């Protein structure tokens, strides 16, 4: 016999003695019931095994996909950076070639002018020697006869046309190249942050945190919202550190601003929000809360929430 009340085996006499009034059945009947439960348990276990095997296979496929995607991305990234390096090297070669070409042109011009000046110096020295010799001539008739031909000078090279800038030369080119380098560094510095964030955002779906179900869970994503006075309609009074908006009849003395709403009593938040965010609003009367892109025009009303929204802003109305 088997006592279900005490969950133990008993003899045939126990139901009328120690286990009197208990739920007792034959051992065979209890075995049959437990055997049925055992089969159900085995079916459940086998189903869980199949489910887990599917999950393991899915994870293995995920690992393979991650590795394949990472390898392809590394290959493509290396190719892109190699192209950038080759482009910079080509530009470096082009600049070098242009500098050498201009160097050759300028040196040739200077050499040509130098030769002319050297020739003029030689001619002037020869003329000076002849005039010196003439000055020592004792025969007055010979002096007067030779003087007209010796005193005439050939046309001189105009030295005032020679503009030499010893501190310039190719320094401007160096400055231009340095400016390009600085711009590339700035771009790489700015975009590197985006690249790093993009890499770290790659994640398996199973690691995403579950959606909160309680207020305490939502509060983990809470954010402080302040209202932007530059967007507030002039019939909205902002108070409590720009955290409260009240509709009033008298227009407020807000300065003109291109972002200010002029048709509907609306105001945007000052903060831009990304990812998962949570906030609470206290209100009296009619209040509408929505999200929108920052570049919404002053004549638009914030009613539609785009499903692909990344940057969200708070629109707060109080009537």
C-alpha atoms as a PDB file:
ATOM      1  CA  UNK A   1       0.000   0.000   0.000  1.00  0.00           C
ATOM      2  CA  UNK A   2       1.020   3.669  -0.406  1.00  0.00           C
ATOM      3  CA  UNK A   3      -0.131   6.568   1.787  1.00  0.00           C
ATOM      4  CA  UNK A   4      -0.457   9.714  -0.349  1.00  0.00           C
ATOM      5  CA  UNK A   5      -1.117  11.816   2.743  1.00  0.00           C
ATOM      6  CA  UNK A   6       2.270  10.968   4.319  1.00  0.00           C
ATOM      7  CA  UNK A   7       3.953  10.083   1.013  1.00  0.00           C
ATOM      8  CA  UNK A   8       5.294   6.715   2.229  1.00  0.00           C
ATOM      9  CA  UNK A   9       4.803   3.016   1.730  1.00  0.00           C
ATOM     10  CA  UNK A  10       2.663   1.186   4.295  1.00  0.00           C
ATOM     11  CA  UNK A  11       1.452  -2.341   5.001  1.00  0.00           C
ATOM     12  CA  UNK A  12      -2.126  -3.604   4.505  1.00  0.00           C
ATOM     13  CA  UNK A  13      -2.944  -3.050   8.203  1.00  0.00           C
ATOM     14  CA  UNK A  14      -1.768   0.573   8.434  1.00  0.00           C
ATOM     15  CA  UNK A  15      -4.903   2.110   6.801  1.00  0.00           C
ATOM     16  CA  UNK A  16      -6.957   0.966   9.800  1.00  0.00           C
ATOM     17  CA  UNK A  17      -4.358   1.951  12.386  1.00  0.00           C
ATOM     18  CA  UNK A  18      -1.659   4.636  12.064  1.00  0.00           C
ATOM     19  CA  UNK A  19      -2.876   5.890   8.657  1.00  0.00           C
ATOM     20  CA  UNK A  20      -6.558   5.665   9.386  1.00  0.00           C
ATOM     21  CA  UNK A  21      -8.487   8.206   7.317  1.00  0.00           C
ATOM     22  CA  UNK A  22      -5.504   8.931   5.045  1.00  0.00           C
ATOM     23  CA  UNK A  23      -5.571   8.835   1.263  1.00  0.00           C
ATOM     24  CA  UNK A  24      -4.182   5.341   0.582  1.00  0.00           C
ATOM     25  CA  UNK A  25      -3.909   3.381  -2.689  1.00  0.00           C
ATOM     26  CA  UNK A  26      -2.131   0.277  -3.831  1.00  0.00           C
ATOM     27  CA  UNK A  27       1.534   0.584  -4.666  1.00  0.00           C
ATOM     28  CA  UNK A  28       0.754  -0.440  -8.253  1.00  0.00           C
ATOM     29  CA  UNK A  29      -1.828   2.330  -8.639  1.00  0.00           C
ATOM     30  CA  UNK A  30       0.537   4.917  -7.204  1.00  0.00           C
ATOM     31  CA  UNK A  31       3.295   3.622  -9.508  1.00  0.00           C
ATOM     32  CA  UNK A  32       0.980   4.001 -12.502  1.00  0.00           C
ATOM     33  CA  UNK A  33       0.159   7.625 -11.540  1.00  0.00           C
ATOM     34  CA  UNK A  34       3.795   8.496 -10.891  1.00  0.00           C
ATOM     35  CA  UNK A  35       4.799   6.725 -14.093  1.00  0.00           C
ATOM     36  CA  UNK A  36       2.375   8.952 -16.008  1.00  0.00           C
ATOM     37  CA  UNK A  37       3.832  12.043 -14.332  1.00  0.00           C
ATOM     38  CA  UNK A  38       7.331  10.756 -15.058  1.00  0.00           C
ATOM     39  CA  UNK A  39       6.531  10.467 -18.763  1.00  0.00           C
ATOM     40  CA  UNK A  40       5.150  13.990 -18.769  1.00  0.00           C
ATOM     41  CA  UNK A  41       8.308  15.198 -17.010  1.00  0.00           C
ATOM     42  CA  UNK A  42      10.474  13.371 -19.524  1.00  0.00           C
ATOM     43  CA  UNK A  43       8.532  14.916 -22.382  1.00  0.00           C
ATOM     44  CA  UNK A  44       9.008  18.337 -20.851  1.00  0.00           C
ATOM     45  CA  UNK A  45      12.728  17.676 -20.346  1.00  0.00           C
ATOM     46  CA  UNK A  46      13.132  16.385 -23.885  1.00  0.00           C
ATOM     47  CA  UNK A  47      11.284  19.418 -25.220  1.00  0.00           C
ATOM     48  CA  UNK A  48      13.541  21.708 -23.198  1.00  0.00           C
ATOM     49  CA  UNK A  49      16.576  19.809 -24.481  1.00  0.00           C
ATOM     50  CA  UNK A  50      15.369  20.353 -28.052  1.00  0.00           C
ATOM     51  CA  UNK A  51      14.706  24.023 -27.332  1.00  0.00           C
ATOM     52  CA  UNK A  52      18.128  24.476 -25.764  1.00  0.00           C
ATOM     53  CA  UNK A  53      19.805  22.620 -28.634  1.00  0.00           C
ATOM     54  CA  UNK A  54      18.056  25.002 -31.032  1.00  0.00           C
ATOM     55  CA  UNK A  55      19.258  27.917 -28.897  1.00  0.00           C
ATOM     56  CA  UNK A  56      22.810  26.541 -28.897  1.00  0.00           C
ATOM     57  CA  UNK A  57      22.671  26.126 -32.677  1.00  0.00           C
ATOM     58  CA  UNK A  58      21.310  29.658 -32.996  1.00  0.00           C
ATOM     59  CA  UNK A  59      24.120  30.980 -30.799  1.00  0.00           C
ATOM     60  CA  UNK A  60      26.671  29.047 -32.845  1.00  0.00           C
ATOM     61  CA  UNK A  61      25.237  30.601 -35.988  1.00  0.00           C
ATOM     62  CA  UNK A  62      25.360  33.977 -34.250  1.00  0.00           C
ATOM     63  CA  UNK A  63      29.037  33.471 -33.395  1.00  0.00           C
ATOM     64  CA  UNK A  64      29.742  32.487 -36.992  1.00  0.00           C
ATOM     65  CA  UNK A  65      27.844  35.540 -38.252  1.00  0.00           C
ATOM     66  CA  UNK A  66      29.684  37.832 -35.801  1.00  0.00           C
ATOM     67  CA  UNK A  67      33.066  36.433 -36.829  1.00  0.00           C
ATOM     68  CA  UNK A  68      32.208  36.679 -40.523  1.00  0.00           C
ATOM     69  CA  UNK A  69      30.913  40.226 -40.147  1.00  0.00           C
ATOM     70  CA  UNK A  70      33.961  41.253 -38.090  1.00  0.00           C
ATOM     71  CA  UNK A  71      36.373  39.711 -40.620  1.00  0.00           C
ATOM     72  CA  UNK A  72      34.616  41.414 -43.533  1.00  0.00           C
ATOM     73  CA  UNK A  73      34.532  44.729 -41.686  1.00  0.00           C
ATOM     74  CA  UNK A  74      38.238  44.492 -40.823  1.00  0.00           C
ATOM     75  CA  UNK A  75      39.010  43.690 -44.468  1.00  0.00           C
ATOM     76  CA  UNK A  76      36.883  46.574 -45.749  1.00  0.00           C
ATOM     77  CA  UNK A  77      38.250  48.965 -43.132  1.00  0.00           C
ATOM     78  CA  UNK A  78      41.834  48.076 -44.017  1.00  0.00           C
ATOM     79  CA  UNK A  79      41.021  48.563 -47.699  1.00  0.00           C
ATOM     80  CA  UNK A  80      39.472  51.976 -47.026  1.00  0.00           C
ATOM     81  CA  UNK A  81      42.369  53.131 -44.836  1.00  0.00           C
ATOM     82  CA  UNK A  82      44.842  51.814 -47.416  1.00  0.00           C
ATOM     83  CA  UNK A  83      43.046  53.861 -50.079  1.00  0.00           C
ATOM     84  CA  UNK A  84      43.286  56.914 -47.823  1.00  0.00           C
ATOM     85  CA  UNK A  85      46.995  56.296 -47.288  1.00  0.00           C
ATOM     86  CA  UNK A  86      47.561  55.896 -51.040  1.00  0.00           C
ATOM     87  CA  UNK A  87      45.570  59.071 -51.687  1.00  0.00           C
ATOM     88  CA  UNK A  88      47.677  61.013 -49.181  1.00  0.00           C
ATOM     89  CA  UNK A  89      50.871  59.533 -50.649  1.00  0.00           C
ATOM     90  CA  UNK A  90      49.757  60.541 -54.144  1.00  0.00           C
ATOM     91  CA  UNK A  91      48.961  64.053 -52.996  1.00  0.00           C
ATOM     92  CA  UNK A  92      52.353  64.184 -51.283  1.00  0.00           C
ATOM     93  CA  UNK A  93      54.017  63.103 -54.523  1.00  0.00           C
ATOM     94  CA  UNK A  94      52.024  65.690 -56.503  1.00  0.00           C
ATOM     95  CA  UNK A  95      53.013  68.482 -54.122  1.00  0.00           C
ATOM     96  CA  UNK A  96      56.652  67.380 -54.238  1.00  0.00           C
ATOM     97  CA  UNK A  97      56.595  67.351 -58.045  1.00  0.00           C
ATOM     98  CA  UNK A  98      54.994  70.791 -58.206  1.00  0.00           C
ATOM     99  CA  UNK A  99      57.526  72.193 -55.742  1.00  0.00           C
ATOM    100  CA  UNK A 100      60.467  70.759 -57.716  1.00  0.00           C
ATOM    101  CA  UNK A 101      59.031  72.050 -60.974  1.00  0.00           C
ATOM    102  CA  UNK A 102      58.507  75.531 -59.544  1.00  0.00           C
ATOM    103  CA  UNK A 103      61.958  75.334 -57.957  1.00  0.00           C
ATOM    104  CA  UNK A 104      63.526  74.582 -61.329  1.00  0.00           C
ATOM    105  CA  UNK A 105      61.593  77.428 -62.993  1.00  0.00           C
ATOM    106  CA  UNK A 106      62.522  79.992 -60.348  1.00  0.00           C
ATOM    107  CA  UNK A 107      66.172  78.914 -60.170  1.00  0.00           C
ATOM    108  CA  UNK A 108      66.376  79.141 -63.968  1.00  0.00           C
ATOM    109  CA  UNK A 109      64.950  82.667 -63.908  1.00  0.00           C
ATOM    110  CA  UNK A 110      67.364  83.732 -61.181  1.00  0.00           C
ATOM    111  CA  UNK A 111      70.336  82.157 -62.990  1.00  0.00           C
ATOM    112  CA  UNK A 112      69.382  83.921 -66.213  1.00  0.00           C
ATOM    113  CA  UNK A 113      69.194  87.261 -64.463  1.00  0.00           C
ATOM    114  CA  UNK A 114      72.423  86.498 -62.628  1.00  0.00           C
ATOM    115  CA  UNK A 115      74.205  85.872 -65.947  1.00  0.00           C
ATOM    116  CA  UNK A 116      72.925  89.168 -67.338  1.00  0.00           C
ATOM    117  CA  UNK A 117      74.149  90.985 -64.258  1.00  0.00           C
ATOM    118  CA  UNK A 118      77.541  89.246 -64.453  1.00  0.00           C
ATOM    119  CA  UNK A 119      77.845  90.274 -68.111  1.00  0.00           C
ATOM    120  CA  UNK A 120      76.901  93.843 -67.211  1.00  0.00           C
ATOM    121  CA  UNK A 121      79.498  93.876 -64.425  1.00  0.00           C
ATOM    122  CA  UNK A 122      82.164  92.631 -66.846  1.00  0.00           C
ATOM    123  CA  UNK A 123      81.176  95.266 -69.400  1.00  0.00           C
ATOM    124  CA  UNK A 124      81.192  97.997 -66.755  1.00  0.00           C
ATOM    125  CA  UNK A 125      84.613  96.942 -65.502  1.00  0.00           C
ATOM    126  CA  UNK A 126      85.977  96.993 -69.062  1.00  0.00           C
ATOM    127  CA  UNK A 127      84.431 100.425 -69.638  1.00  0.00           C
ATOM    128  CA  UNK A 128      85.849 101.664 -66.347  1.00  0.00           C
ATOM    129  CA  UNK A 129      89.315 100.462 -67.344  1.00  0.00           C
ATOM    130  CA  UNK A 130      89.082 102.242 -70.706  1.00  0.00           C
ATOM    131  CA  UNK A 131      87.897 105.453 -69.071  1.00  0.00           C
ATOM    132  CA  UNK A 132      90.724 105.210 -66.543  1.00  0.00           C
ATOM    133  CA  UNK A 133      93.223 104.803 -69.347  1.00  0.00           C
ATOM    134  CA  UNK A 134      91.645 107.734 -71.204  1.00  0.00           C
ATOM    135  CA  UNK A 135      91.854 109.895 -68.092  1.00  0.00           C
ATOM    136  CA  UNK A 136      95.643 109.476 -68.134  1.00  0.00           C
ATOM    137  CA  UNK A 137      95.982 110.516 -71.799  1.00  0.00           C
ATOM    138  CA  UNK A 138      98.170 113.631 -72.044  1.00  0.00           C
ATOM    139  CA  UNK A 139      97.195 114.471 -75.633  1.00  0.00           C
ATOM    140  CA  UNK A 140      94.185 116.775 -75.433  1.00  0.00           C
ATOM    141  CA  UNK A 141      93.161 116.180 -79.042  1.00  0.00           C
ATOM    142  CA  UNK A 142      93.227 112.380 -78.590  1.00  0.00           C
ATOM    143  CA  UNK A 143      91.255 112.663 -75.292  1.00  0.00           C
ATOM    144  CA  UNK A 144      88.517 114.745 -76.929  1.00  0.00           C
ATOM    145  CA  UNK A 145      88.457 112.454 -79.944  1.00  0.00           C
ATOM    146  CA  UNK A 146      88.027 109.204 -77.930  1.00  0.00           C
ATOM    147  CA  UNK A 147      85.838 110.536 -75.105  1.00  0.00           C
ATOM    148  CA  UNK A 148      82.442 110.454 -76.907  1.00  0.00           C
ATOM    149  CA  UNK A 149      82.720 106.804 -77.829  1.00  0.00           C
ATOM    150  CA  UNK A 150      84.064 105.674 -74.453  1.00  0.00           C
ATOM    151  CA  UNK A 151      81.668 107.673 -72.268  1.00  0.00           C
ATOM    152  CA  UNK A 152      78.512 106.134 -73.788  1.00  0.00           C
ATOM    153  CA  UNK A 153      77.190 103.315 -71.582  1.00  0.00           C
ATOM    154  CA  UNK A 154      75.068 100.380 -72.693  1.00  0.00           C
ATOM    155  CA  UNK A 155      71.502 100.002 -71.329  1.00  0.00           C
ATOM    156  CA  UNK A 156      71.623  98.887 -67.710  1.00  0.00           C
ATOM    157  CA  UNK A 157      69.612  96.095 -66.128  1.00  0.00           C
ATOM    158  CA  UNK A 158      66.970  97.707 -63.927  1.00  0.00           C
ATOM    159  CA  UNK A 159      67.808  96.356 -60.478  1.00  0.00           C
ATOM    160  CA  UNK A 160      64.686  97.931 -59.057  1.00  0.00           C
ATOM    161  CA  UNK A 161      62.625  95.228 -60.838  1.00  0.00           C
ATOM    162  CA  UNK A 162      64.278  92.514 -58.783  1.00  0.00           C
ATOM    163  CA  UNK A 163      62.014  91.698 -55.792  1.00  0.00           C
ATOM    164  CA  UNK A 164      63.693  89.224 -53.487  1.00  0.00           C
ATOM    165  CA  UNK A 165      61.719  87.807 -50.572  1.00  0.00           C
ATOM    166  CA  UNK A 166      64.267  85.724 -48.656  1.00  0.00           C
ATOM    167  CA  UNK A 167      61.825  84.867 -45.866  1.00  0.00           C
ATOM    168  CA  UNK A 168      59.060  83.518 -48.111  1.00  0.00           C
ATOM    169  CA  UNK A 169      60.073  81.120 -50.819  1.00  0.00           C
ATOM    170  CA  UNK A 170      58.025  77.924 -50.269  1.00  0.00           C
ATOM    171  CA  UNK A 171      57.009  78.535 -46.635  1.00  0.00           C
ATOM    172  CA  UNK A 172      53.441  79.278 -47.749  1.00  0.00           C
ATOM    173  CA  UNK A 173      53.257  75.798 -49.217  1.00  0.00           C
ATOM    174  CA  UNK A 174      54.358  74.337 -45.882  1.00  0.00           C
ATOM    175  CA  UNK A 175      51.663  76.340 -44.126  1.00  0.00           C
ATOM    176  CA  UNK A 176      49.014  75.116 -46.592  1.00  0.00           C
ATOM    177  CA  UNK A 177      50.079  71.484 -46.150  1.00  0.00           C
ATOM    178  CA  UNK A 178      50.091  71.925 -42.362  1.00  0.00           C
ATOM    179  CA  UNK A 179      46.556  73.285 -42.555  1.00  0.00           C
ATOM    180  CA  UNK A 180      45.459  70.199 -44.495  1.00  0.00           C
ATOM    181  CA  UNK A 181      47.131  67.994 -41.883  1.00  0.00           C
ATOM    182  CA  UNK A 182      45.337  69.798 -39.049  1.00  0.00           C
ATOM    183  CA  UNK A 183      41.973  69.466 -40.806  1.00  0.00           C
ATOM    184  CA  UNK A 184      42.508  65.729 -41.384  1.00  0.00           C
ATOM    185  CA  UNK A 185      43.506  65.299 -37.742  1.00  0.00           C
ATOM    186  CA  UNK A 186      40.379  67.152 -36.612  1.00  0.00           C
ATOM    187  CA  UNK A 187      38.174  65.013 -38.854  1.00  0.00           C
ATOM    188  CA  UNK A 188      39.791  61.790 -37.659  1.00  0.00           C
ATOM    189  CA  UNK A 189      39.508  62.923 -34.044  1.00  0.00           C
ATOM    190  CA  UNK A 190      35.810  63.756 -34.406  1.00  0.00           C
ATOM    191  CA  UNK A 191      34.875  60.735 -36.488  1.00  0.00           C
ATOM    192  CA  UNK A 192      36.922  58.354 -34.338  1.00  0.00           C
ATOM    193  CA  UNK A 193      34.427  58.861 -31.525  1.00  0.00           C
ATOM    194  CA  UNK A 194      31.559  57.919 -33.843  1.00  0.00           C
ATOM    195  CA  UNK A 195      33.483  54.886 -35.134  1.00  0.00           C
ATOM    196  CA  UNK A 196      34.273  53.722 -31.588  1.00  0.00           C
ATOM    197  CA  UNK A 197      30.658  54.151 -30.474  1.00  0.00           C
ATOM    198  CA  UNK A 198      29.446  52.268 -33.552  1.00  0.00           C
ATOM    199  CA  UNK A 199      31.802  49.379 -32.767  1.00  0.00           C
ATOM    200  CA  UNK A 200      30.786  49.187 -29.101  1.00  0.00           C
ATOM    201  CA  UNK A 201      27.089  49.320 -30.014  1.00  0.00           C
ATOM    202  CA  UNK A 202      27.411  45.997 -31.847  1.00  0.00           C
ATOM    203  CA  UNK A 203      25.688  43.571 -29.470  1.00  0.00           C
ATOM    204  CA  UNK A 204      23.826  40.279 -29.463  1.00  0.00           C
ATOM    205  CA  UNK A 205      20.080  40.798 -29.028  1.00  0.00           C
ATOM    206  CA  UNK A 206      19.994  38.471 -26.011  1.00  0.00           C
ATOM    207  CA  UNK A 207      22.169  40.889 -24.029  1.00  0.00           C
ATOM    208  CA  UNK A 208      19.700  43.777 -24.309  1.00  0.00           C
ATOM    209  CA  UNK A 209      18.133  44.664 -20.963  1.00  0.00           C
ATOM    210  CA  UNK A 210      14.497  43.599 -20.628  1.00  0.00           C
ATOM    211  CA  UNK A 211      11.804  46.220 -20.956  1.00  0.00           C
ATOM    212  CA  UNK A 212      10.877  47.628 -17.522  1.00  0.00           C
ATOM    213  CA  UNK A 213       7.565  46.501 -16.053  1.00  0.00           C
ATOM    214  CA  UNK A 214       7.423  48.634 -12.907  1.00  0.00           C
ATOM    215  CA  UNK A 215       7.915  52.314 -12.114  1.00  0.00           C
ATOM    216  CA  UNK A 216      11.105  51.456 -10.241  1.00  0.00           C
ATOM    217  CA  UNK A 217      12.410  49.794 -13.403  1.00  0.00           C
ATOM    218  CA  UNK A 218      11.510  52.797 -15.537  1.00  0.00           C
ATOM    219  CA  UNK A 219      13.184  55.191 -13.095  1.00  0.00           C
ATOM    220  CA  UNK A 220      16.539  53.640 -13.981  1.00  0.00           C
ATOM    221  CA  UNK A 221      16.193  55.490 -17.301  1.00  0.00           C
ATOM    222  CA  UNK A 222      14.823  58.723 -15.848  1.00  0.00           C
ATOM    223  CA  UNK A 223      16.145  62.033 -17.131  1.00  0.00           C
ATOM    224  CA  UNK A 224      15.776  65.630 -16.020  1.00  0.00           C
ATOM    225  CA  UNK A 225      13.927  67.815 -18.530  1.00  0.00           C
ATOM    226  CA  UNK A 226      14.098  71.615 -18.697  1.00  0.00           C
ATOM    227  CA  UNK A 227      12.181  73.757 -21.169  1.00  0.00           C
ATOM    228  CA  UNK A 228      13.893  75.923 -23.765  1.00  0.00           C
ATOM    229  CA  UNK A 229      12.809  79.612 -23.473  1.00  0.00           C
ATOM    230  CA  UNK A 230      13.939  80.232 -27.072  1.00  0.00           C
ATOM    231  CA  UNK A 231      11.175  77.917 -28.351  1.00  0.00           C
ATOM    232  CA  UNK A 232       8.345  78.814 -25.932  1.00  0.00           C
ATOM    233  CA  UNK A 233       5.201  80.383 -27.391  1.00  0.00           C
ATOM    234  CA  UNK A 234       4.700  83.896 -26.011  1.00  0.00           C
ATOM    235  CA  UNK A 235       1.502  82.790 -24.207  1.00  0.00           C
ATOM    236  CA  UNK A 236       3.421  80.210 -22.198  1.00  0.00           C
ATOM    237  CA  UNK A 237       4.851  81.316 -18.857  1.00  0.00           C
ATOM    238  CA  UNK A 238       7.948  79.334 -17.848  1.00  0.00           C
ATOM    239  CA  UNK A 239       8.749  79.017 -14.154  1.00  0.00           C
ATOM    240  CA  UNK A 240      10.444  76.829 -11.527  1.00  0.00           C
ATOM    241  CA  UNK A 241      13.740  76.867 -13.342  1.00  0.00           C
ATOM    242  CA  UNK A 242      12.114  76.382 -16.754  1.00  0.00           C
ATOM    243  CA  UNK A 243      10.581  73.103 -15.596  1.00  0.00           C
ATOM    244  CA  UNK A 244       6.995  74.353 -15.555  1.00  0.00           C
ATOM    245  CA  UNK A 245       4.895  75.854 -18.363  1.00  0.00           C
ATOM    246  CA  UNK A 246       1.597  77.611 -17.794  1.00  0.00           C
ATOM    247  CA  UNK A 247      -0.761  78.950 -20.468  1.00  0.00           C
ATOM    248  CA  UNK A 248      -1.577  82.638 -19.881  1.00  0.00           C
ATOM    249  CA  UNK A 249      -3.600  85.219 -21.792  1.00  0.00           C
ATOM    250  CA  UNK A 250      -0.977  87.967 -21.557  1.00  0.00           C
ATOM    251  CA  UNK A 251       1.913  87.575 -23.971  1.00  0.00           C
ATOM    252  CA  UNK A 252       5.307  87.258 -22.354  1.00  0.00           C
ATOM    253  CA  UNK A 253       8.177  89.589 -23.261  1.00  0.00           C
ATOM    254  CA  UNK A 254      10.318  86.908 -24.888  1.00  0.00           C
ATOM    255  CA  UNK A 255      12.873  88.184 -27.396  1.00  0.00           C
ATOM    256  CA  UNK A 256      12.417  87.253 -31.034  1.00  0.00           C
ATOM    257  CA  UNK A 257      14.044  83.952 -31.944  1.00  0.00           C
ATOM    258  CA  UNK A 258      13.862  81.813 -35.119  1.00  0.00           C
ATOM    259  CA  UNK A 259      13.073  78.688 -33.044  1.00  0.00           C
ATOM    260  CA  UNK A 260      10.096  80.221 -31.205  1.00  0.00           C
ATOM    261  CA  UNK A 261       6.649  78.687 -31.819  1.00  0.00           C
ATOM    262  CA  UNK A 262       4.221  81.318 -33.080  1.00  0.00           C
ATOM    263  CA  UNK A 263       1.003  79.414 -33.822  1.00  0.00           C
ATOM    264  CA  UNK A 264       0.503  76.687 -31.211  1.00  0.00           C
ATOM    265  CA  UNK A 265       1.281  77.024 -27.490  1.00  0.00           C
ATOM    266  CA  UNK A 266       4.260  74.717 -27.627  1.00  0.00           C
ATOM    267  CA  UNK A 267       7.758  74.535 -26.213  1.00  0.00           C
ATOM    268  CA  UNK A 268      10.670  72.154 -26.759  1.00  0.00           C
ATOM    269  CA  UNK A 269      12.983  70.806 -24.125  1.00  0.00           C
ATOM    270  CA  UNK A 270      16.525  72.102 -23.893  1.00  0.00           C
ATOM    271  CA  UNK A 271      18.007  68.604 -23.669  1.00  0.00           C
ATOM    272  CA  UNK A 272      18.379  66.152 -26.549  1.00  0.00           C
ATOM    273  CA  UNK A 273      17.672  62.552 -25.582  1.00  0.00           C
ATOM    274  CA  UNK A 274      19.011  59.343 -27.103  1.00  0.00           C
ATOM    275  CA  UNK A 275      18.450  55.676 -26.446  1.00  0.00           C
ATOM    276  CA  UNK A 276      15.987  54.613 -23.739  1.00  0.00           C
ATOM    277  CA  UNK A 277      14.680  57.553 -21.713  1.00  0.00           C
ATOM    278  CA  UNK A 278      11.874  58.024 -19.181  1.00  0.00           C
ATOM    279  CA  UNK A 279      10.278  61.112 -17.715  1.00  0.00           C
ATOM    280  CA  UNK A 280       7.146  61.999 -15.759  1.00  0.00           C
ATOM    281  CA  UNK A 281       4.847  64.984 -16.212  1.00  0.00           C
ATOM    282  CA  UNK A 282       2.491  66.564 -13.695  1.00  0.00           C
ATOM    283  CA  UNK A 283      -0.380  68.565 -15.210  1.00  0.00           C
ATOM    284  CA  UNK A 284      -3.714  70.259 -14.746  1.00  0.00           C
ATOM    285  CA  UNK A 285      -6.182  70.712 -17.564  1.00  0.00           C
ATOM    286  CA  UNK A 286      -5.216  69.495 -21.011  1.00  0.00           C
ATOM    287  CA  UNK A 287      -1.585  68.537 -21.577  1.00  0.00           C
ATOM    288  CA  UNK A 288       0.007  66.876 -24.602  1.00  0.00           C
ATOM    289  CA  UNK A 289       3.466  65.320 -24.579  1.00  0.00           C
ATOM    290  CA  UNK A 290       5.229  64.294 -27.788  1.00  0.00           C
ATOM    291  CA  UNK A 291       8.679  63.821 -29.306  1.00  0.00           C
ATOM    292  CA  UNK A 292      10.103  65.520 -32.390  1.00  0.00           C
ATOM    293  CA  UNK A 293      13.225  66.419 -34.262  1.00  0.00           C
ATOM    294  CA  UNK A 294      14.905  69.617 -33.154  1.00  0.00           C
ATOM    295  CA  UNK A 295      14.549  71.196 -36.613  1.00  0.00           C
ATOM    296  CA  UNK A 296      10.745  71.173 -36.481  1.00  0.00           C
ATOM    297  CA  UNK A 297       9.425  74.417 -37.942  1.00  0.00           C
ATOM    298  CA  UNK A 298       7.653  76.975 -35.778  1.00  0.00           C
ATOM    299  CA  UNK A 299       4.396  76.385 -37.655  1.00  0.00           C
ATOM    300  CA  UNK A 300       4.287  72.618 -37.131  1.00  0.00           C
ATOM    301  CA  UNK A 301       2.426  70.843 -34.348  1.00  0.00           C
ATOM    302  CA  UNK A 302       4.083  67.964 -32.493  1.00  0.00           C
ATOM    303  CA  UNK A 303       1.627  65.122 -32.853  1.00  0.00           C
ATOM    304  CA  UNK A 304       3.394  62.340 -34.804  1.00  0.00           C
ATOM    305  CA  UNK A 305       6.062  60.186 -33.197  1.00  0.00           C
ATOM    306  CA  UNK A 306       8.349  58.742 -35.929  1.00  0.00           C
ATOM    307  CA  UNK A 307       9.055  55.023 -35.299  1.00  0.00           C
ATOM    308  CA  UNK A 308      12.699  55.480 -36.317  1.00  0.00           C
ATOM    309  CA  UNK A 309      13.252  58.438 -33.994  1.00  0.00           C
ATOM    310  CA  UNK A 310      16.754  58.630 -32.531  1.00  0.00           C
ATOM    311  CA  UNK A 311      16.874  62.114 -31.037  1.00  0.00           C
ATOM    312  CA  UNK A 312      13.818  63.028 -28.981  1.00  0.00           C
ATOM    313  CA  UNK A 313      12.722  66.295 -27.437  1.00  0.00           C
ATOM    314  CA  UNK A 314       9.900  67.023 -25.019  1.00  0.00           C
ATOM    315  CA  UNK A 315       6.936  69.161 -26.075  1.00  0.00           C
ATOM    316  CA  UNK A 316       4.956  70.377 -23.082  1.00  0.00           C
ATOM    317  CA  UNK A 317       1.571  72.115 -23.261  1.00  0.00           C
ATOM    318  CA  UNK A 318      -0.468  73.522 -20.386  1.00  0.00           C
ATOM    319  CA  UNK A 319      -3.909  75.139 -20.811  1.00  0.00           C
END
